[in-house]
Protein backbone atom coordinates (compact mmCIF):
# COMPACT_ATOMS: atom_id res chain seq x y z
CA UNK A 1 -0.14 0.13 -0.09
CA UNK A 2 1.34 3.47 -1.04
CA UNK A 3 1.71 6.10 1.40
CA UNK A 4 -0.60 8.43 -0.49
CA UNK A 5 -3.57 5.01 -0.53
CA UNK A 6 -2.89 4.59 3.47
CA UNK A 7 -3.74 8.24 3.92
CA UNK A 8 -6.51 8.19 1.47
CA UNK A 9 -8.14 5.39 3.89
CA UNK A 10 -7.63 7.15 6.93
CA UNK A 11 -9.08 10.73 5.49
CA UNK A 12 -12.08 7.99 4.48
CA UNK A 13 -12.61 7.20 8.37
CA UNK A 14 -12.74 11.13 9.22
CA UNK A 15 -15.21 11.67 6.13
CA UNK A 16 -17.92 10.30 8.09
CA UNK A 17 -18.36 13.31 10.17
CA UNK A 18 -17.89 15.63 7.88
CA UNK A 19 -20.71 18.37 7.52
CA UNK A 20 -19.13 20.74 5.34
CA UNK A 21 -19.59 19.73 1.72
CA UNK A 22 -17.09 22.12 -0.38
CA UNK A 23 -14.19 20.59 2.17
CA UNK A 24 -15.58 16.91 1.41
CA UNK A 25 -15.33 17.94 -2.41
CA UNK A 26 -11.95 19.37 -2.21
CA UNK A 27 -10.89 16.59 -0.54
CA UNK A 28 -12.13 14.53 -2.78
CA UNK A 29 -10.94 15.67 -5.79
CA UNK A 30 -7.48 16.87 -4.64
CA UNK A 31 -6.31 13.67 -1.94
CA UNK A 32 -8.92 10.40 -2.86
CA UNK A 33 -9.19 10.51 -5.97
CA UNK A 34 -5.51 10.90 -7.29
CA UNK A 35 -4.66 8.46 -4.75
CA UNK A 36 -6.88 5.66 -6.52
CA UNK A 37 -5.88 6.80 -9.65
CA UNK A 38 -1.95 6.13 -8.49
CA UNK A 39 -3.37 2.80 -6.99
CA UNK A 40 -5.16 2.11 -10.49
CA UNK A 41 -2.01 2.35 -12.20
CA UNK A 42 -0.03 0.39 -9.66
CA UNK A 43 -2.01 -2.15 -10.07
CA UNK A 44 -2.94 -2.17 -14.01
CA UNK A 45 -6.63 -1.15 -13.17
CA UNK A 46 -8.62 1.68 -15.07
CA UNK A 47 -10.94 4.21 -14.80
CA UNK A 48 -13.81 1.48 -14.23
CA UNK A 49 -11.94 0.43 -10.84
CA UNK A 50 -11.35 4.22 -9.54
CA UNK A 51 -15.20 4.69 -10.75
CA UNK A 52 -16.12 1.87 -8.46
CA UNK A 53 -14.30 1.39 -5.69
CA UNK A 54 -15.61 1.28 -2.33
CA UNK A 55 -14.01 4.68 -0.80
CA UNK A 56 -15.44 6.49 -3.83
CA UNK A 57 -19.18 4.35 -3.19
CA UNK A 58 -18.82 5.80 0.48
CA UNK A 59 -17.80 9.43 -0.48
CA UNK A 60 -20.38 9.93 -2.93
CA UNK A 61 -22.68 8.76 -0.78
CA UNK A 62 -21.59 11.39 2.11
CA UNK A 63 -21.83 14.37 -0.63
CA UNK A 64 -25.18 13.08 -1.57
CA UNK A 65 -26.27 12.83 2.29
CA UNK A 66 -25.17 16.49 2.73
CA UNK A 67 -27.09 17.73 -0.22
CA UNK A 68 -30.19 16.35 1.53
CA UNK A 69 -30.53 13.73 -1.46
CA UNK A 70 -31.81 10.27 -0.46
CA UNK A 71 -29.39 7.60 -0.58
CA UNK A 72 -27.55 7.05 -4.08
CA UNK A 73 -26.52 3.70 -3.49
CA UNK A 74 -28.65 0.77 -2.12
CA UNK A 75 -27.99 -0.55 1.48
CA UNK A 76 -26.21 -3.67 0.00
CA UNK A 77 -24.15 -2.02 -2.08
CA UNK A 78 -23.29 0.58 0.55
CA UNK A 79 -22.65 -1.91 3.45
CA UNK A 80 -20.40 -4.17 0.55
CA UNK A 81 -18.13 -0.85 0.24
CA UNK A 82 -17.95 -0.50 4.04
CA UNK A 83 -17.31 -3.81 5.09
CA UNK A 84 -14.21 -3.51 2.32
CA UNK A 85 -13.48 -0.22 3.46
CA UNK A 86 -13.42 -1.54 7.15
CA UNK A 87 -10.93 -3.72 5.56
CA UNK A 88 -8.44 -1.54 4.21
CA UNK A 89 -8.69 0.55 7.44
CA UNK A 90 -7.53 -2.46 9.51
CA UNK A 91 -4.58 -2.67 6.81
CA UNK A 92 -3.81 1.08 6.54
CA UNK A 93 -3.50 0.90 10.04
CA UNK A 94 -1.19 -1.82 10.33
CA UNK A 95 1.13 -0.46 8.08
CA UNK A 96 1.19 2.84 10.08
CA UNK A 97 2.06 0.81 13.10
CA UNK A 98 4.46 -1.08 11.01
CA UNK A 99 6.09 2.13 10.02
CA UNK A 100 6.20 3.75 13.45
CA UNK A 101 7.92 0.60 14.65
CA UNK A 102 10.53 1.11 12.21
CA UNK A 103 11.57 4.15 13.28
CA UNK A 104 11.57 3.36 16.44
């Protein structure tokens, strides 16, 4: 996992508490999408992989919520994206712990 992707995962955890659509959209465009594009390139994947990535699903759903829209994804799709995200979050935290241990 690249450092940029690890940060995107950790920022996604913070996204759930967001209340400012402008700040959320700015972070999505400046941090999340570039991290996913880099990861897609590293894995030999394309735009479709980025567009349907669990992190994108969660961010887009949060932005829709802040706009007052009803859910843009069905419950099963959101649940699957959230489960995948939780696994990524665990891996990101483990990578962070290993990095700190190496520095010590």
